[in-house]
Amino acid sequence: MAVVIPMRGGRSLAGALSYAETNKLDGSKNLTRGVNCSDDRETALQEMRVTKHLWSRVDGRQYKGYVISFPTNEVTIDQALNHAEKWCNTKFPTNESFLGCHVDTDNIHIHIIINSVDFENGHKLNLVKSELENLREVSDNICREMGLSVIEPRTIELEEGTIRTKSNREYQVLKKAINNDDGSSYKVNLRKDIKEVLKETAGKGFGEFKNEMEKRGIDYKLSGNKNRRFFLDTKIHLKK
């Protein structure tokens, strides 16, 4: 299964492209590929800069970066690059993307640097956290097309709705919410919040459910503060 991971910023556009290119095979062959731009790093950099200047979008965020990582011994270098290229063409068809394949660990992984400015209309990328789930779904679909492994979602059927998740941690978060109620008004209100959000996000996945919960000040990851840890403090009835 290919795993899509957002990259942290901090580098300049030139630095990000340089890092993507750093890994070489046998000290000579660059494992890079351009999507809507050159396979050569320096040329790709100039093409991205030209796009920014054409649309007068030279300031602000310069790029968006992702890593797509594959299980050990599941793909060849060409398969990994082909997967990443299809992914970019599907999700970012009018942005320049530069791909760098790294083979310095047990699992092949691709560093992807996407120009923040659309070369067709000049719009800037404005990806929110909730869109990561869709980016991963696209990757999974490409894996299926290529005959690669995919972890299928686990479905939790609740009285208030259905939640799909591939993460065992997320699955357990909801299961641990069963039968932990002392009748306090705090927990009654919290349980009401969860039921309402479950109805609103039924069938949309755990990520959307969690985002809507966070809008209400409820986060299962936080502790030691005023945010409520719903997997410890409420009760959800699972269908048997």
Protein backbone atom coordinates (compact mmCIF):
# COMPACT_ATOMS: atom_id res chain seq x y z
CA MET A 1 0.00 0.00 0.00
CA ALA A 2 1.30 3.46 -0.92
CA VAL A 3 1.22 5.94 1.96
CA VAL A 4 0.75 9.67 1.23
CA ILE A 5 2.44 11.96 3.76
CA PRO A 6 2.44 15.79 3.69
CA MET A 7 5.93 17.29 3.81
CA ARG A 8 6.87 20.03 6.23
CA GLY A 9 7.74 23.36 4.68
CA GLY A 10 10.74 25.46 5.57
CA ARG A 11 12.85 25.07 2.45
CA SER A 12 12.90 27.46 -0.45
CA LEU A 13 11.50 26.20 -3.77
CA ALA A 14 15.03 25.65 -5.03
CA GLY A 15 15.98 23.86 -1.84
CA ALA A 16 12.92 21.60 -1.96
CA LEU A 17 13.63 20.59 -5.56
CA SER A 18 17.29 20.00 -4.73
CA TYR A 19 16.36 17.74 -1.81
CA ALA A 20 13.94 15.78 -3.98
CA GLU A 21 16.77 15.15 -6.44
CA THR A 22 19.47 14.26 -3.90
CA ASN A 23 19.20 10.48 -4.10
CA LYS A 24 21.07 8.86 -6.99
CA LEU A 25 21.43 5.29 -8.21
CA ASP A 26 25.01 4.04 -8.57
CA GLY A 27 26.18 7.62 -8.14
CA SER A 28 25.08 8.69 -11.62
CA LYS A 29 21.45 8.22 -12.60
CA ASN A 30 19.10 10.89 -11.32
CA LEU A 31 15.82 9.34 -10.26
CA THR A 32 13.66 12.32 -11.18
CA ARG A 33 10.65 13.01 -13.35
CA GLY A 34 8.74 16.14 -14.20
CA VAL A 35 4.98 16.35 -14.58
CA ASN A 36 4.10 19.39 -16.74
CA CYS A 37 7.72 20.40 -16.41
CA SER A 38 11.22 19.16 -17.20
CA ASP A 39 12.80 16.05 -15.68
CA ASP A 40 15.85 18.24 -15.05
CA ARG A 41 15.76 20.01 -11.68
CA GLU A 42 17.23 23.34 -12.78
CA THR A 43 14.97 23.57 -15.81
CA ALA A 44 11.91 22.58 -13.73
CA LEU A 45 12.80 25.31 -11.22
CA GLN A 46 12.94 27.95 -13.95
CA GLU A 47 9.63 26.75 -15.41
CA MET A 48 7.94 27.03 -12.03
CA ARG A 49 9.38 30.52 -11.52
CA VAL A 50 8.17 31.61 -14.97
CA THR A 51 4.64 30.47 -14.08
CA LYS A 52 4.74 32.53 -10.89
CA HIS A 53 5.93 35.64 -12.73
CA LEU A 54 3.43 35.27 -15.57
CA TRP A 55 0.58 35.39 -13.05
CA SER A 56 2.29 37.85 -10.67
CA ARG A 57 2.18 35.27 -7.89
CA VAL A 58 5.78 35.31 -6.73
CA ASP A 59 5.09 35.86 -3.03
CA GLY A 60 3.63 33.60 -0.34
CA ARG A 61 3.68 29.82 -0.37
CA GLN A 62 6.00 28.60 -3.11
CA TYR A 63 5.11 24.92 -3.25
CA LYS A 64 3.26 22.04 -1.64
CA GLY A 65 5.20 18.88 -0.87
CA TYR A 66 4.22 15.26 -0.34
CA VAL A 67 6.00 11.94 0.09
CA ILE A 68 4.49 8.76 -1.31
CA SER A 69 6.07 5.75 0.35
CA PHE A 70 5.72 2.12 -0.74
CA PRO A 71 6.12 -1.15 1.21
CA THR A 72 9.48 -2.87 1.08
CA ASN A 73 10.07 -4.87 -2.12
CA GLU A 74 6.60 -4.11 -3.56
CA VAL A 75 7.50 -1.75 -6.40
CA THR A 76 10.32 -1.00 -8.79
CA ILE A 77 11.65 2.51 -9.26
CA ASP A 78 9.70 2.91 -12.50
CA GLN A 79 6.49 1.67 -10.88
CA ALA A 80 6.88 4.12 -8.01
CA LEU A 81 7.48 7.02 -10.40
CA ASN A 82 4.56 5.94 -12.61
CA HIS A 83 2.26 5.84 -9.59
CA ALA A 84 3.34 9.31 -8.46
CA GLU A 85 2.99 10.71 -11.97
CA LYS A 86 -0.58 9.41 -12.27
CA TRP A 87 -1.34 10.82 -8.83
CA CYS A 88 -0.10 14.28 -9.81
CA ASN A 89 -1.96 14.21 -13.14
CA THR A 90 -5.16 13.29 -11.31
CA LYS A 91 -5.00 15.75 -8.42
CA PHE A 92 -2.82 18.56 -9.82
CA PRO A 93 -3.29 18.39 -13.61
CA THR A 94 -2.49 22.08 -14.22
CA ASN A 95 0.44 22.51 -11.85
CA GLU A 96 4.08 21.68 -12.44
CA SER A 97 5.21 18.81 -10.22
CA PHE A 98 8.76 17.54 -9.76
CA LEU A 99 9.25 13.96 -8.57
CA GLY A 100 12.36 12.57 -6.92
CA CYS A 101 12.65 8.85 -6.17
CA HIS A 102 14.64 7.96 -3.04
CA VAL A 103 16.08 4.48 -2.61
CA ASP A 104 18.23 5.15 0.45
CA THR A 105 15.92 3.23 2.81
CA ASP A 106 14.31 -0.22 2.75
CA ASN A 107 11.20 1.18 1.12
CA ILE A 108 11.18 3.21 -2.09
CA HIS A 109 9.58 6.62 -1.65
CA ILE A 110 8.87 9.56 -3.93
CA HIS A 111 9.31 13.20 -2.92
CA ILE A 112 6.83 15.39 -4.80
CA ILE A 113 7.21 19.17 -5.09
CA ILE A 114 4.15 20.89 -6.58
CA ASN A 115 4.28 24.48 -7.81
CA SER A 116 1.83 26.52 -5.76
CA VAL A 117 0.61 28.42 -8.84
CA ASP A 118 -1.65 26.86 -11.48
CA PHE A 119 -0.10 27.51 -14.91
CA GLU A 120 -3.51 27.70 -16.65
CA ASN A 121 -5.37 30.17 -14.45
CA GLY A 122 -2.87 31.51 -11.91
CA HIS A 123 -4.81 30.19 -8.91
CA LYS A 124 -2.78 29.21 -5.88
CA LEU A 125 -3.09 25.88 -4.13
CA ASN A 126 -5.19 26.12 -1.00
CA LEU A 127 -5.28 22.59 0.36
CA VAL A 128 -6.85 22.05 3.76
CA LYS A 129 -6.14 19.21 6.14
CA SER A 130 -9.45 17.50 5.41
CA GLU A 131 -8.46 16.98 1.75
CA LEU A 132 -5.64 14.61 2.72
CA GLU A 133 -8.07 11.69 2.91
CA ASN A 134 -9.08 12.25 -0.73
CA LEU A 135 -5.44 12.44 -1.81
CA ARG A 136 -4.90 9.05 -0.18
CA GLU A 137 -8.02 7.61 -1.80
CA VAL A 138 -6.72 8.63 -5.24
CA SER A 139 -3.42 6.93 -4.42
CA ASP A 140 -5.29 3.76 -3.40
CA ASN A 141 -7.24 3.74 -6.66
CA ILE A 142 -4.01 3.99 -8.64
CA CYS A 143 -2.55 1.14 -6.57
CA ARG A 144 -5.56 -1.01 -7.49
CA GLU A 145 -5.10 -0.19 -11.17
CA MET A 146 -1.44 -1.20 -10.93
CA GLY A 147 -2.15 -4.38 -8.96
CA LEU A 148 -0.47 -3.10 -5.81
CA SER A 149 -1.64 -3.75 -2.26
CA VAL A 150 -4.28 -1.57 -0.60
CA ILE A 151 -5.56 -1.63 2.97
CA GLU A 152 -9.33 -1.61 2.66
CA PRO A 153 -11.33 0.58 5.09
CA ARG A 154 -12.95 -0.88 8.19
CA THR A 155 -16.57 0.13 8.63
CA ILE A 156 -18.10 0.84 12.01
CA GLU A 157 -21.91 0.78 11.93
CA LEU A 158 -23.36 3.10 14.56
CA GLU A 159 -26.95 3.90 15.40
CA GLU A 160 -26.23 7.48 14.42
CA GLY A 161 -24.29 6.78 11.21
CA THR A 162 -21.47 4.89 9.52
CA ILE A 163 -17.76 5.66 9.91
CA ARG A 164 -15.09 4.24 7.58
CA THR A 165 -11.44 4.23 8.59
CA LYS A 166 -8.23 2.45 7.58
CA SER A 167 -6.50 3.26 10.83
CA ASN A 168 -6.76 0.75 13.65
CA ARG A 169 -6.19 3.60 16.10
CA GLU A 170 -9.19 5.51 14.76
CA TYR A 171 -11.26 2.34 14.82
CA GLN A 172 -10.39 1.75 18.46
CA VAL A 173 -11.11 5.40 19.34
CA LEU A 174 -14.77 4.90 18.53
CA LYS A 175 -14.96 1.47 20.11
CA LYS A 176 -13.53 2.82 23.38
CA ALA A 177 -16.37 5.34 23.52
CA ILE A 178 -18.80 2.59 24.59
CA ASN A 179 -20.30 2.31 28.07
CA ASN A 180 -18.46 5.09 29.88
CA ASP A 181 -21.18 7.41 31.14
CA ASP A 182 -21.77 8.64 34.70
CA GLY A 183 -24.90 10.64 33.90
CA SER A 184 -23.28 14.05 34.31
CA SER A 185 -24.64 16.92 32.21
CA TYR A 186 -21.17 17.39 30.70
CA LYS A 187 -21.13 13.89 29.29
CA VAL A 188 -24.77 14.06 28.24
CA ASN A 189 -23.99 17.16 26.17
CA LEU A 190 -20.83 15.59 24.79
CA ARG A 191 -22.71 12.49 23.72
CA LYS A 192 -25.29 14.71 22.03
CA ASP A 193 -22.53 16.47 20.09
CA ILE A 194 -21.12 13.17 18.86
CA LYS A 195 -24.50 11.86 17.75
CA GLU A 196 -25.21 15.05 15.80
CA VAL A 197 -21.83 14.98 14.07
CA LEU A 198 -22.20 11.30 13.23
CA LYS A 199 -25.44 12.07 11.42
CA GLU A 200 -23.90 15.01 9.58
CA THR A 201 -20.83 13.07 8.41
CA ALA A 202 -22.31 9.60 7.85
CA GLY A 203 -20.40 7.79 5.12
CA LYS A 204 -17.78 10.56 4.74
CA GLY A 205 -14.96 8.89 6.66
CA PHE A 206 -13.31 9.35 10.04
CA GLY A 207 -11.30 12.36 8.89
CA GLU A 208 -14.42 14.41 8.16
CA PHE A 209 -16.00 13.24 11.44
CA LYS A 210 -12.93 14.36 13.40
CA ASN A 211 -12.81 17.74 11.62
CA GLU A 212 -16.42 18.47 12.50
CA MET A 213 -15.78 17.40 16.10
CA GLU A 214 -12.83 19.79 16.29
CA LYS A 215 -15.08 22.65 15.17
CA ARG A 216 -17.05 22.00 18.37
CA GLY A 217 -13.91 22.04 20.50
CA ILE A 218 -13.72 18.26 20.85
CA ASP A 219 -10.45 16.51 20.01
CA TYR A 220 -9.55 12.96 20.92
CA LYS A 221 -5.79 13.58 20.67
CA LEU A 222 -5.48 16.41 23.15
CA SER A 223 -5.11 16.06 26.89
CA GLY A 224 -4.17 18.25 29.82
CA ASN A 225 -6.22 21.18 28.55
CA LYS A 226 -9.82 22.28 28.14
CA ASN A 227 -10.52 20.25 25.00
CA ARG A 228 -12.69 17.21 25.63
CA ARG A 229 -11.33 13.72 25.00
CA PHE A 230 -14.47 12.13 23.60
CA PHE A 231 -13.13 8.59 23.46
CA LEU A 232 -12.79 8.63 27.24
CA ASP A 233 -15.86 10.59 28.20
CA THR A 234 -18.86 9.50 26.19
CA LYS A 235 -20.97 6.59 25.09
CA ILE A 236 -21.71 5.45 21.54
CA HIS A 237 -23.88 2.36 20.99
CA LEU A 238 -22.50 0.05 18.32
CA LYS A 239 -24.92 -2.12 16.39
CA LYS A 240 -24.46 -5.77 17.11
